[in-house]
């Protein structure tokens, strides 16, 4: 729902501030796995967010978890920017973590 062509036309892109990876089980070469992605936290204006990606092996055991903190960046001004309303319509439909929280807009 957020095509790269639209992002480039708007001169908007994601930027990561922090990435944390935790490994819990090995995934073998050519082993089938699945990934899910949820939003853990977000400002109400969508500007800053925290996403969690979980990797599961074929037995549906958690193999790894990646948590990223990021924001939308105005690529010309090189500053964090609020995404347009049409993007917020998509972003607000993303799955949320069970412990999802709204981030303080004053940070």
PDB file of N, CA and C in Angstrom:
ATOM      1  N   UNK A   1       0.781  -1.206   0.000  1.00  0.00           N
ATOM      2  CA  UNK A   1       0.000   0.000   0.000  1.00  0.00           C
ATOM      3  C   UNK A   1       0.827   1.277   0.000  1.00  0.00           C
ATOM      4  N   UNK A   2       2.156   1.141   0.111  1.00  0.00           N
ATOM      5  CA  UNK A   2       3.043   2.309   0.077  1.00  0.00           C
ATOM      6  C   UNK A   2       4.067   2.108  -1.039  1.00  0.00           C
ATOM      7  N   UNK A   3       3.638   2.294  -2.284  1.00  0.00           N
ATOM      8  CA  UNK A   3       4.547   1.998  -3.400  1.00  0.00           C
ATOM      9  C   UNK A   3       5.763   2.920  -3.434  1.00  0.00           C
ATOM     10  N   UNK A   4       6.900   2.343  -3.757  1.00  0.00           N
ATOM     11  CA  UNK A   4       8.162   3.098  -3.791  1.00  0.00           C
ATOM     12  C   UNK A   4       8.069   4.274  -4.764  1.00  0.00           C
ATOM     13  N   UNK A   5       7.314   4.108  -5.842  1.00  0.00           N
ATOM     14  CA  UNK A   5       7.173   5.194  -6.818  1.00  0.00           C
ATOM     15  C   UNK A   5       6.505   6.418  -6.174  1.00  0.00           C
ATOM     16  N   UNK A   6       5.497   6.167  -5.347  1.00  0.00           N
ATOM     17  CA  UNK A   6       4.807   7.254  -4.659  1.00  0.00           C
ATOM     18  C   UNK A   6       5.722   7.907  -3.626  1.00  0.00           C
ATOM     19  N   UNK A   7       6.475   7.076  -2.892  1.00  0.00           N
ATOM     20  CA  UNK A   7       7.428   7.615  -1.922  1.00  0.00           C
ATOM     21  C   UNK A   7       8.439   8.532  -2.612  1.00  0.00           C
ATOM     22  N   UNK A   8       8.958   8.089  -3.745  1.00  0.00           N
ATOM     23  CA  UNK A   8       9.959   8.881  -4.463  1.00  0.00           C
ATOM     24  C   UNK A   8       9.348  10.169  -5.013  1.00  0.00           C
ATOM     25  N   UNK A   9       8.120  10.087  -5.513  1.00  0.00           N
ATOM     26  CA  UNK A   9       7.455  11.288  -6.030  1.00  0.00           C
ATOM     27  C   UNK A   9       7.240  12.313  -4.918  1.00  0.00           C
ATOM     28  N   UNK A  10       6.937  11.839  -3.720  1.00  0.00           N
ATOM     29  CA  UNK A  10       6.727  12.723  -2.573  1.00  0.00           C
ATOM     30  C   UNK A  10       8.039  13.116  -1.889  1.00  0.00           C
ATOM     31  N   UNK A  11       9.149  12.503  -2.327  1.00  0.00           N
ATOM     32  CA  UNK A  11      10.468  12.723  -1.723  1.00  0.00           C
ATOM     33  C   UNK A  11      10.423  12.411  -0.229  1.00  0.00           C
ATOM     34  N   UNK A  12       9.834  11.229   0.077  1.00  0.00           N
ATOM     35  CA  UNK A  12       9.658  10.765   1.444  1.00  0.00           C
ATOM     36  C   UNK A  12      10.210   9.350   1.544  1.00  0.00           C
ATOM     37  N   UNK A  13      10.910   9.061   2.622  1.00  0.00           N
ATOM     38  CA  UNK A  13      11.438   7.717   2.786  1.00  0.00           C
ATOM     39  C   UNK A  13      11.615   7.352   4.248  1.00  0.00           C
ATOM     40  N   UNK A  14      11.684   6.051   4.550  1.00  0.00           N
ATOM     41  CA  UNK A  14      11.912   5.634   5.930  1.00  0.00           C
ATOM     42  C   UNK A  14      13.387   5.778   6.299  1.00  0.00           C
ATOM     43  N   UNK A  15      13.623   6.110   7.553  1.00  0.00           N
ATOM     44  CA  UNK A  15      14.976   6.167   8.087  1.00  0.00           C
ATOM     45  C   UNK A  15      14.962   5.408   9.406  1.00  0.00           C
ATOM     46  N   UNK A  16      15.997   4.612   9.657  1.00  0.00           N
ATOM     47  CA  UNK A  16      16.082   3.840  10.896  1.00  0.00           C
ATOM     48  C   UNK A  16      17.025   4.518  11.875  1.00  0.00           C
ATOM     49  N   UNK A  17      16.573   4.625  13.118  1.00  0.00           N
ATOM     50  CA  UNK A  17      17.398   5.189  14.185  1.00  0.00           C
ATOM     51  C   UNK A  17      18.117   4.090  14.961  1.00  0.00           C
ATOM     52  N   UNK A  18      17.431   2.941  15.086  1.00  0.00           N
ATOM     53  CA  UNK A  18      17.993   1.842  15.878  1.00  0.00           C
ATOM     54  C   UNK A  18      17.437   0.536  15.350  1.00  0.00           C
ATOM     55  N   UNK A  19      18.270  -0.476  15.391  1.00  0.00           N
ATOM     56  CA  UNK A  19      17.843  -1.827  15.004  1.00  0.00           C
ATOM     57  C   UNK A  19      18.426  -2.807  16.008  1.00  0.00           C
ATOM     58  N   UNK A  20      17.568  -3.686  16.528  1.00  0.00           N
ATOM     59  CA  UNK A  20      18.007  -4.688  17.503  1.00  0.00           C
ATOM     60  C   UNK A  20      17.568  -6.060  17.007  1.00  0.00           C
ATOM     61  N   UNK A  21      18.502  -6.991  16.957  1.00  0.00           N
ATOM     62  CA  UNK A  21      18.202  -8.348  16.511  1.00  0.00           C
ATOM     63  C   UNK A  21      18.502  -9.324  17.636  1.00  0.00           C
ATOM     64  N   UNK A  22      17.547 -10.221  17.872  1.00  0.00           N
ATOM     65  CA  UNK A  22      17.730 -11.296  18.854  1.00  0.00           C
ATOM     66  C   UNK A  22      17.527 -12.624  18.141  1.00  0.00           C
ATOM     67  N   UNK A  23      18.514 -13.485  18.247  1.00  0.00           N
ATOM     68  CA  UNK A  23      18.439 -14.810  17.641  1.00  0.00           C
ATOM     69  C   UNK A  23      18.093 -15.828  18.717  1.00  0.00           C
ATOM     70  N   UNK A  24      17.177 -16.732  18.409  1.00  0.00           N
ATOM     71  CA  UNK A  24      16.820 -17.740  19.401  1.00  0.00           C
ATOM     72  C   UNK A  24      16.918 -19.162  18.867  1.00  0.00           C
ATOM     73  N   UNK A  25      16.783 -19.342  17.552  1.00  0.00           N
ATOM     74  CA  UNK A  25      16.927 -20.673  16.937  1.00  0.00           C
ATOM     75  C   UNK A  25      17.571 -20.509  15.566  1.00  0.00           C
ATOM     76  N   UNK A  26      18.365 -21.480  15.219  1.00  0.00           N
ATOM     77  CA  UNK A  26      19.033 -21.428  13.927  1.00  0.00           C
ATOM     78  C   UNK A  26      18.058 -21.727  12.792  1.00  0.00           C
ATOM     79  N   UNK A  27      18.205 -20.994  11.707  1.00  0.00           N
ATOM     80  CA  UNK A  27      17.517 -21.305  10.458  1.00  0.00           C
ATOM     81  C   UNK A  27      18.574 -21.850   9.508  1.00  0.00           C
ATOM     82  N   UNK A  28      18.351 -23.045   8.991  1.00  0.00           N
ATOM     83  CA  UNK A  28      19.315 -23.655   8.085  1.00  0.00           C
ATOM     84  C   UNK A  28      19.195 -23.099   6.674  1.00  0.00           C
ATOM     85  N   UNK A  29      20.254 -23.248   5.928  1.00  0.00           N
ATOM     86  CA  UNK A  29      20.273 -22.840   4.534  1.00  0.00           C
ATOM     87  C   UNK A  29      19.149 -23.551   3.782  1.00  0.00           C
ATOM     88  N   UNK A  30      18.366 -22.831   3.038  1.00  0.00           N
ATOM     89  CA  UNK A  30      17.224 -23.343   2.271  1.00  0.00           C
ATOM     90  C   UNK A  30      16.068 -23.828   3.133  1.00  0.00           C
ATOM     91  N   UNK A  31      16.106 -23.585   4.445  1.00  0.00           N
ATOM     92  CA  UNK A  31      14.997 -23.967   5.315  1.00  0.00           C
ATOM     93  C   UNK A  31      13.844 -22.982   5.122  1.00  0.00           C
ATOM     94  N   UNK A  32      12.642 -23.515   5.028  1.00  0.00           N
ATOM     95  CA  UNK A  32      11.459 -22.658   4.910  1.00  0.00           C
ATOM     96  C   UNK A  32      11.240 -21.902   6.219  1.00  0.00           C
ATOM     97  N   UNK A  33      10.824 -20.653   6.099  1.00  0.00           N
ATOM     98  CA  UNK A  33      10.506 -19.865   7.288  1.00  0.00           C
ATOM     99  C   UNK A  33       9.427 -18.848   6.937  1.00  0.00           C
ATOM    100  N   UNK A  34       8.803 -18.315   7.969  1.00  0.00           N
ATOM    101  CA  UNK A  34       7.798 -17.269   7.780  1.00  0.00           C
ATOM    102  C   UNK A  34       8.196 -16.051   8.614  1.00  0.00           C
ATOM    103  N   UNK A  35       7.688 -14.907   8.221  1.00  0.00           N
ATOM    104  CA  UNK A  35       7.979 -13.654   8.906  1.00  0.00           C
ATOM    105  C   UNK A  35       6.666 -12.923   9.136  1.00  0.00           C
ATOM    106  N   UNK A  36       6.501 -12.369  10.323  1.00  0.00           N
ATOM    107  CA  UNK A  36       5.380 -11.457  10.516  1.00  0.00           C
ATOM    108  C   UNK A  36       5.935 -10.097  10.927  1.00  0.00           C
ATOM    109  N   UNK A  37       5.130  -9.090  10.775  1.00  0.00           N
ATOM    110  CA  UNK A  37       5.547  -7.728  11.076  1.00  0.00           C
ATOM    111  C   UNK A  37       4.390  -7.014  11.747  1.00  0.00           C
ATOM    112  N   UNK A  38       4.665  -6.385  12.882  1.00  0.00           N
ATOM    113  CA  UNK A  38       3.649  -5.617  13.604  1.00  0.00           C
ATOM    114  C   UNK A  38       4.254  -4.287  14.041  1.00  0.00           C
ATOM    115  N   UNK A  39       3.377  -3.325  14.236  1.00  0.00           N
ATOM    116  CA  UNK A  39       3.804  -2.047  14.790  1.00  0.00           C
ATOM    117  C   UNK A  39       3.716  -2.163  16.304  1.00  0.00           C
ATOM    118  N   UNK A  40       4.831  -1.882  16.976  1.00  0.00           N
ATOM    119  CA  UNK A  40       4.873  -1.935  18.443  1.00  0.00           C
ATOM    120  C   UNK A  40       4.464  -0.613  19.052  1.00  0.00           C
ATOM    121  N   UNK A  41       4.850   0.470  18.400  1.00  0.00           N
ATOM    122  CA  UNK A  41       4.548   1.796  18.923  1.00  0.00           C
ATOM    123  C   UNK A  41       4.600   2.795  17.776  1.00  0.00           C
ATOM    124  N   UNK A  42       3.884   3.906  17.958  1.00  0.00           N
ATOM    125  CA  UNK A  42       3.867   4.915  16.911  1.00  0.00           C
ATOM    126  C   UNK A  42       3.318   6.219  17.480  1.00  0.00           C
ATOM    127  N   UNK A  43       3.813   7.312  16.958  1.00  0.00           N
ATOM    128  CA  UNK A  43       3.187   8.590  17.269  1.00  0.00           C
ATOM    129  C   UNK A  43       1.850   8.646  16.541  1.00  0.00           C
ATOM    130  N   UNK A  44       0.923   9.376  17.079  1.00  0.00           N
ATOM    131  CA  UNK A  44      -0.408   9.476  16.469  1.00  0.00           C
ATOM    132  C   UNK A  44      -0.355  10.090  15.074  1.00  0.00           C
ATOM    133  N   UNK A  45       0.651  10.912  14.798  1.00  0.00           N
ATOM    134  CA  UNK A  45       0.781  11.509  13.468  1.00  0.00           C
ATOM    135  C   UNK A  45       1.562  10.611  12.512  1.00  0.00           C
ATOM    136  N   UNK A  46       2.012   9.437  12.983  1.00  0.00           N
ATOM    137  CA  UNK A  46       2.714   8.476  12.137  1.00  0.00           C
ATOM    138  C   UNK A  46       4.158   8.814  11.838  1.00  0.00           C
ATOM    139  N   UNK A  47       4.644   9.914  12.343  1.00  0.00           N
ATOM    140  CA  UNK A  47       5.985  10.396  12.022  1.00  0.00           C
ATOM    141  C   UNK A  47       7.080   9.443  12.505  1.00  0.00           C
ATOM    142  N   UNK A  48       6.955   8.942  13.721  1.00  0.00           N
ATOM    143  CA  UNK A  48       7.963   8.054  14.319  1.00  0.00           C
ATOM    144  C   UNK A  48       7.271   6.761  14.718  1.00  0.00           C
ATOM    145  N   UNK A  49       7.973   5.626  14.553  1.00  0.00           N
ATOM    146  CA  UNK A  49       7.359   4.324  14.786  1.00  0.00           C
ATOM    147  C   UNK A  49       8.390   3.297  15.224  1.00  0.00           C
ATOM    148  N   UNK A  50       7.874   2.212  15.801  1.00  0.00           N
ATOM    149  CA  UNK A  50       8.692   1.056  16.188  1.00  0.00           C
ATOM    150  C   UNK A  50       8.008  -0.171  15.588  1.00  0.00           C
ATOM    151  N   UNK A  51       8.751  -0.945  14.804  1.00  0.00           N
ATOM    152  CA  UNK A  51       8.199  -2.153  14.186  1.00  0.00           C
ATOM    153  C   UNK A  51       8.950  -3.383  14.666  1.00  0.00           C
ATOM    154  N   UNK A  52       8.230  -4.483  14.748  1.00  0.00           N
ATOM    155  CA  UNK A  52       8.808  -5.752  15.181  1.00  0.00           C
ATOM    156  C   UNK A  52       8.590  -6.775  14.064  1.00  0.00           C
ATOM    157  N   UNK A  53       9.681  -7.425  13.659  1.00  0.00           N
ATOM    158  CA  UNK A  53       9.625  -8.515  12.680  1.00  0.00           C
ATOM    159  C   UNK A  53      10.010  -9.791  13.406  1.00  0.00           C
ATOM    160  N   UNK A  54       9.206 -10.835  13.258  1.00  0.00           N
ATOM    161  CA  UNK A  54       9.510 -12.117  13.890  1.00  0.00           C
ATOM    162  C   UNK A  54       9.636 -13.187  12.808  1.00  0.00           C
ATOM    163  N   UNK A  55      10.706 -13.961  12.904  1.00  0.00           N
ATOM    164  CA  UNK A  55      11.002 -15.025  11.953  1.00  0.00           C
ATOM    165  C   UNK A  55      10.732 -16.361  12.633  1.00  0.00           C
ATOM    166  N   UNK A  56       9.959 -17.220  11.974  1.00  0.00           N
ATOM    167  CA  UNK A  56       9.613 -18.530  12.518  1.00  0.00           C
ATOM    168  C   UNK A  56      10.112 -19.628  11.594  1.00  0.00           C
ATOM    169  N   UNK A  57      10.626 -20.720  12.179  1.00  0.00           N
ATOM    170  CA  UNK A  57      11.060 -21.857  11.364  1.00  0.00           C
ATOM    171  C   UNK A  57       9.834 -22.651  10.901  1.00  0.00           C
ATOM    172  N   UNK A  58      10.060 -23.746  10.201  1.00  0.00           N
ATOM    173  CA  UNK A  58       8.959 -24.550   9.650  1.00  0.00           C
ATOM    174  C   UNK A  58       8.059 -25.146  10.732  1.00  0.00           C
ATOM    175  N   UNK A  59       8.586 -25.281  11.953  1.00  0.00           N
ATOM    176  CA  UNK A  59       7.795 -25.803  13.069  1.00  0.00           C
ATOM    177  C   UNK A  59       7.088 -24.674  13.832  1.00  0.00           C
ATOM    178  N   UNK A  60       7.158 -23.477  13.275  1.00  0.00           N
ATOM    179  CA  UNK A  60       6.560 -22.275  13.872  1.00  0.00           C
ATOM    180  C   UNK A  60       7.171 -21.899  15.225  1.00  0.00           C
ATOM    181  N   UNK A  61       8.459 -22.222  15.380  1.00  0.00           N
ATOM    182  CA  UNK A  61       9.210 -21.810  16.561  1.00  0.00           C
ATOM    183  C   UNK A  61       9.913 -20.494  16.229  1.00  0.00           C
ATOM    184  N   UNK A  62       9.906 -19.566  17.172  1.00  0.00           N
ATOM    185  CA  UNK A  62      10.556 -18.284  16.951  1.00  0.00           C
ATOM    186  C   UNK A  62      12.057 -18.474  16.748  1.00  0.00           C
ATOM    187  N   UNK A  63      12.560 -17.995  15.630  1.00  0.00           N
ATOM    188  CA  UNK A  63      13.980 -18.115  15.317  1.00  0.00           C
ATOM    189  C   UNK A  63      14.731 -16.805  15.530  1.00  0.00           C
ATOM    190  N   UNK A  64      14.067 -15.691  15.240  1.00  0.00           N
ATOM    191  CA  UNK A  64      14.721 -14.395  15.410  1.00  0.00           C
ATOM    192  C   UNK A  64      13.661 -13.310  15.514  1.00  0.00           C
ATOM    193  N   UNK A  65      14.070 -12.230  16.141  1.00  0.00           N
ATOM    194  CA  UNK A  65      13.200 -11.073  16.263  1.00  0.00           C
ATOM    195  C   UNK A  65      14.026  -9.835  15.960  1.00  0.00           C
ATOM    196  N   UNK A  66      13.503  -8.975  15.114  1.00  0.00           N
ATOM    197  CA  UNK A  66      14.176  -7.724  14.789  1.00  0.00           C
ATOM    198  C   UNK A  66      13.229  -6.583  15.145  1.00  0.00           C
ATOM    199  N   UNK A  67      13.719  -5.672  15.949  1.00  0.00           N
ATOM    200  CA  UNK A  67      12.940  -4.485  16.310  1.00  0.00           C
ATOM    201  C   UNK A  67      13.659  -3.276  15.728  1.00  0.00           C
ATOM    202  N   UNK A  68      12.916  -2.465  14.981  1.00  0.00           N
ATOM    203  CA  UNK A  68      13.485  -1.261  14.386  1.00  0.00           C
ATOM    204  C   UNK A  68      12.699  -0.041  14.845  1.00  0.00           C
ATOM    205  N   UNK A  69      13.432   0.999  15.182  1.00  0.00           N
ATOM    206  CA  UNK A  69      12.842   2.295  15.495  1.00  0.00           C
ATOM    207  C   UNK A  69      13.175   3.206  14.332  1.00  0.00           C
ATOM    208  N   UNK A  70      12.162   3.857  13.808  1.00  0.00           N
ATOM    209  CA  UNK A  70      12.413   4.703  12.665  1.00  0.00           C
ATOM    210  C   UNK A  70      11.403   5.816  12.520  1.00  0.00           C
ATOM    211  N   UNK A  71      11.517   6.503  11.405  1.00  0.00           N
ATOM    212  CA  UNK A  71      10.651   7.639  11.124  1.00  0.00           C
ATOM    213  C   UNK A  71      10.578   7.829   9.611  1.00  0.00           C
ATOM    214  N   UNK A  72       9.672   8.684   9.213  1.00  0.00           N
ATOM    215  CA  UNK A  72       9.598   9.117   7.817  1.00  0.00           C
ATOM    216  C   UNK A  72      10.454  10.363   7.677  1.00  0.00           C
ATOM    217  N   UNK A  73      11.242  10.420   6.600  1.00  0.00           N
ATOM    218  CA  UNK A  73      12.139  11.552   6.393  1.00  0.00           C
ATOM    219  C   UNK A  73      11.824  12.260   5.085  1.00  0.00           C
ATOM    220  N   UNK A  74      11.792  13.578   5.154  1.00  0.00           N
ATOM    221  CA  UNK A  74      11.710  14.408   3.958  1.00  0.00           C
ATOM    222  C   UNK A  74      13.094  14.337   3.323  1.00  0.00           C
ATOM    223  N   UNK A  75      13.192  13.765   2.143  1.00  0.00           N
ATOM    224  CA  UNK A  75      14.493  13.499   1.529  1.00  0.00           C
ATOM    225  C   UNK A  75      15.201  14.754   1.047  1.00  0.00           C
ATOM    226  N   UNK A  76      14.462  15.839   0.821  1.00  0.00           N
ATOM    227  CA  UNK A  76      15.091  17.088   0.393  1.00  0.00           C
ATOM    228  C   UNK A  76      15.556  17.923   1.589  1.00  0.00           C
ATOM    229  N   UNK A  77      14.711  18.035   2.603  1.00  0.00           N
ATOM    230  CA  UNK A  77      15.051  18.823   3.789  1.00  0.00           C
ATOM    231  C   UNK A  77      15.920  18.047   4.769  1.00  0.00           C
ATOM    232  N   UNK A  78      15.948  16.699   4.623  1.00  0.00           N
ATOM    233  CA  UNK A  78      16.717  15.814   5.513  1.00  0.00           C
ATOM    234  C   UNK A  78      16.256  15.966   6.953  1.00  0.00           C
ATOM    235  N   UNK A  79      14.920  16.051   7.111  1.00  0.00           N
ATOM    236  CA  UNK A  79      14.312  16.168   8.436  1.00  0.00           C
ATOM    237  C   UNK A  79      13.159  15.182   8.536  1.00  0.00           C
ATOM    238  N   UNK A  80      12.889  14.762   9.774  1.00  0.00           N
ATOM    239  CA  UNK A  80      11.759  13.873  10.020  1.00  0.00           C
ATOM    240  C   UNK A  80      10.484  14.609   9.608  1.00  0.00           C
ATOM    241  N   UNK A  81       9.575  13.865   8.934  1.00  0.00           N
ATOM    242  CA  UNK A  81       8.363  14.475   8.395  1.00  0.00           C
ATOM    243  C   UNK A  81       7.133  13.632   8.700  1.00  0.00           C
ATOM    244  N   UNK A  82       6.006  14.286   8.779  1.00  0.00           N
ATOM    245  CA  UNK A  82       4.731  13.597   8.953  1.00  0.00           C
ATOM    246  C   UNK A  82       4.292  13.054   7.599  1.00  0.00           C
ATOM    247  N   UNK A  83       3.923  11.784   7.534  1.00  0.00           N
ATOM    248  CA  UNK A  83       3.482  11.220   6.249  1.00  0.00           C
ATOM    249  C   UNK A  83       2.147  11.840   5.826  1.00  0.00           C
ATOM    250  N   UNK A  84       1.882  11.873   4.509  1.00  0.00           N
ATOM    251  CA  UNK A  84       0.610  12.420   4.039  1.00  0.00           C
ATOM    252  C   UNK A  84      -0.571  11.563   4.504  1.00  0.00           C
ATOM    253  N   UNK A  85      -1.750  12.157   4.508  1.00  0.00           N
ATOM    254  CA  UNK A  85      -2.949  11.474   4.994  1.00  0.00           C
ATOM    255  C   UNK A  85      -3.201  10.164   4.265  1.00  0.00           C
ATOM    256  N   UNK A  86      -2.953  10.129   2.949  1.00  0.00           N
ATOM    257  CA  UNK A  86      -3.191   8.883   2.201  1.00  0.00           C
ATOM    258  C   UNK A  86      -2.287   7.755   2.710  1.00  0.00           C
ATOM    259  N   UNK A  87      -1.086   8.072   3.190  1.00  0.00           N
ATOM    260  CA  UNK A  87      -0.206   7.062   3.757  1.00  0.00           C
ATOM    261  C   UNK A  87      -0.684   6.661   5.142  1.00  0.00           C
ATOM    262  N   UNK A  88      -1.172   7.634   5.912  1.00  0.00           N
ATOM    263  CA  UNK A  88      -1.687   7.328   7.251  1.00  0.00           C
ATOM    264  C   UNK A  88      -2.870   6.368   7.147  1.00  0.00           C
ATOM    265  N   UNK A  89      -3.677   6.494   6.104  1.00  0.00           N
ATOM    266  CA  UNK A  89      -4.800   5.577   5.907  1.00  0.00           C
ATOM    267  C   UNK A  89      -4.300   4.139   5.793  1.00  0.00           C
ATOM    268  N   UNK A  90      -3.137   3.948   5.163  1.00  0.00           N
ATOM    269  CA  UNK A  90      -2.545   2.616   5.010  1.00  0.00           C
ATOM    270  C   UNK A  90      -1.854   2.194   6.310  1.00  0.00           C
ATOM    271  N   UNK A  91      -1.056   3.083   6.869  1.00  0.00           N
ATOM    272  CA  UNK A  91      -0.271   2.775   8.065  1.00  0.00           C
ATOM    273  C   UNK A  91      -1.165   2.358   9.234  1.00  0.00           C
ATOM    274  N   UNK A  92      -2.306   3.014   9.377  1.00  0.00           N
ATOM    275  CA  UNK A  92      -3.178   2.690  10.508  1.00  0.00           C
ATOM    276  C   UNK A  92      -3.855   1.333  10.365  1.00  0.00           C
ATOM    277  N   UNK A  93      -3.746   0.707   9.194  1.00  0.00           N
ATOM    278  CA  UNK A  93      -4.302  -0.643   9.018  1.00  0.00           C
ATOM    279  C   UNK A  93      -3.261  -1.727   9.278  1.00  0.00           C
ATOM    280  N   UNK A  94      -1.994  -1.363   9.476  1.00  0.00           N
ATOM    281  CA  UNK A  94      -0.962  -2.361   9.761  1.00  0.00           C
ATOM    282  C   UNK A  94      -1.312  -3.109  11.043  1.00  0.00           C
ATOM    283  N   UNK A  95      -0.972  -4.388  11.128  1.00  0.00           N
ATOM    284  CA  UNK A  95      -1.192  -5.126  12.377  1.00  0.00           C
ATOM    285  C   UNK A  95      -0.400  -4.493  13.520  1.00  0.00           C
ATOM    286  N   UNK A  96      -0.973  -4.534  14.704  1.00  0.00           N
ATOM    287  CA  UNK A  96      -0.319  -3.964  15.890  1.00  0.00           C
ATOM    288  C   UNK A  96       0.024  -5.055  16.875  1.00  0.00           C
ATOM    289  N   UNK A  97       1.118  -4.844  17.581  1.00  0.00           N
ATOM    290  CA  UNK A  97       1.541  -5.782  18.627  1.00  0.00           C
ATOM    291  C   UNK A  97       0.509  -5.789  19.741  1.00  0.00           C
ATOM    292  N   UNK A  98       0.454  -6.904  20.466  1.00  0.00           N
ATOM    293  CA  UNK A  98      -0.467  -7.000  21.600  1.00  0.00           C
ATOM    294  C   UNK A  98      -0.201  -5.900  22.627  1.00  0.00           C
ATOM    295  N   UNK A  99       1.073  -5.508  22.757  1.00  0.00           N
ATOM    296  CA  UNK A  99       1.436  -4.462  23.722  1.00  0.00           C
ATOM    297  C   UNK A  99       1.650  -3.110  23.038  1.00  0.00           C
ATOM    298  N   UNK A 100       0.987  -2.887  21.909  1.00  0.00           N
ATOM    299  CA  UNK A 100       1.106  -1.633  21.163  1.00  0.00           C
ATOM    300  C   UNK A 100       0.873  -0.441  22.083  1.00  0.00           C
ATOM    301  N   UNK A 101       1.652   0.621  21.840  1.00  0.00           N
ATOM    302  CA  UNK A 101       1.446   1.851  22.600  1.00  0.00           C
ATOM    303  C   UNK A 101       1.641   3.054  21.695  1.00  0.00           C
ATOM    304  N   UNK A 102       0.924   4.117  22.020  1.00  0.00           N
ATOM    305  CA  UNK A 102       1.109   5.390  21.328  1.00  0.00           C
ATOM    306  C   UNK A 102       2.303   6.094  21.946  1.00  0.00           C
ATOM    307  N   UNK A 103       3.191   6.593  21.105  1.00  0.00           N
ATOM    308  CA  UNK A 103       4.349   7.331  21.597  1.00  0.00           C
ATOM    309  C   UNK A 103       3.944   8.760  21.909  1.00  0.00           C
ATOM    310  N   UNK A 104       4.619   9.355  22.869  1.00  0.00           N
ATOM    311  CA  UNK A 104       4.380  10.739  23.247  1.00  0.00           C
ATOM    312  C   UNK A 104       4.784  11.645  22.092  1.00  0.00           C
ATOM    313  N   UNK A 105       3.886  12.489  21.631  1.00  0.00           N
ATOM    314  CA  UNK A 105       4.172  13.384  20.502  1.00  0.00           C
ATOM    315  C   UNK A 105       5.148  14.493  20.832  1.00  0.00           C
ATOM    316  N   UNK A 106       5.493  14.657  22.093  1.00  0.00           N
ATOM    317  CA  UNK A 106       6.406  15.741  22.479  1.00  0.00           C
ATOM    318  C   UNK A 106       7.858  15.315  22.444  1.00  0.00           C
ATOM    319  N   UNK A 107       8.122  14.032  22.200  1.00  0.00           N
ATOM    320  CA  UNK A 107       9.514  13.552  22.169  1.00  0.00           C
ATOM    321  C   UNK A 107      10.117  13.830  20.824  1.00  0.00           C
TER     322      UNK A 107
END
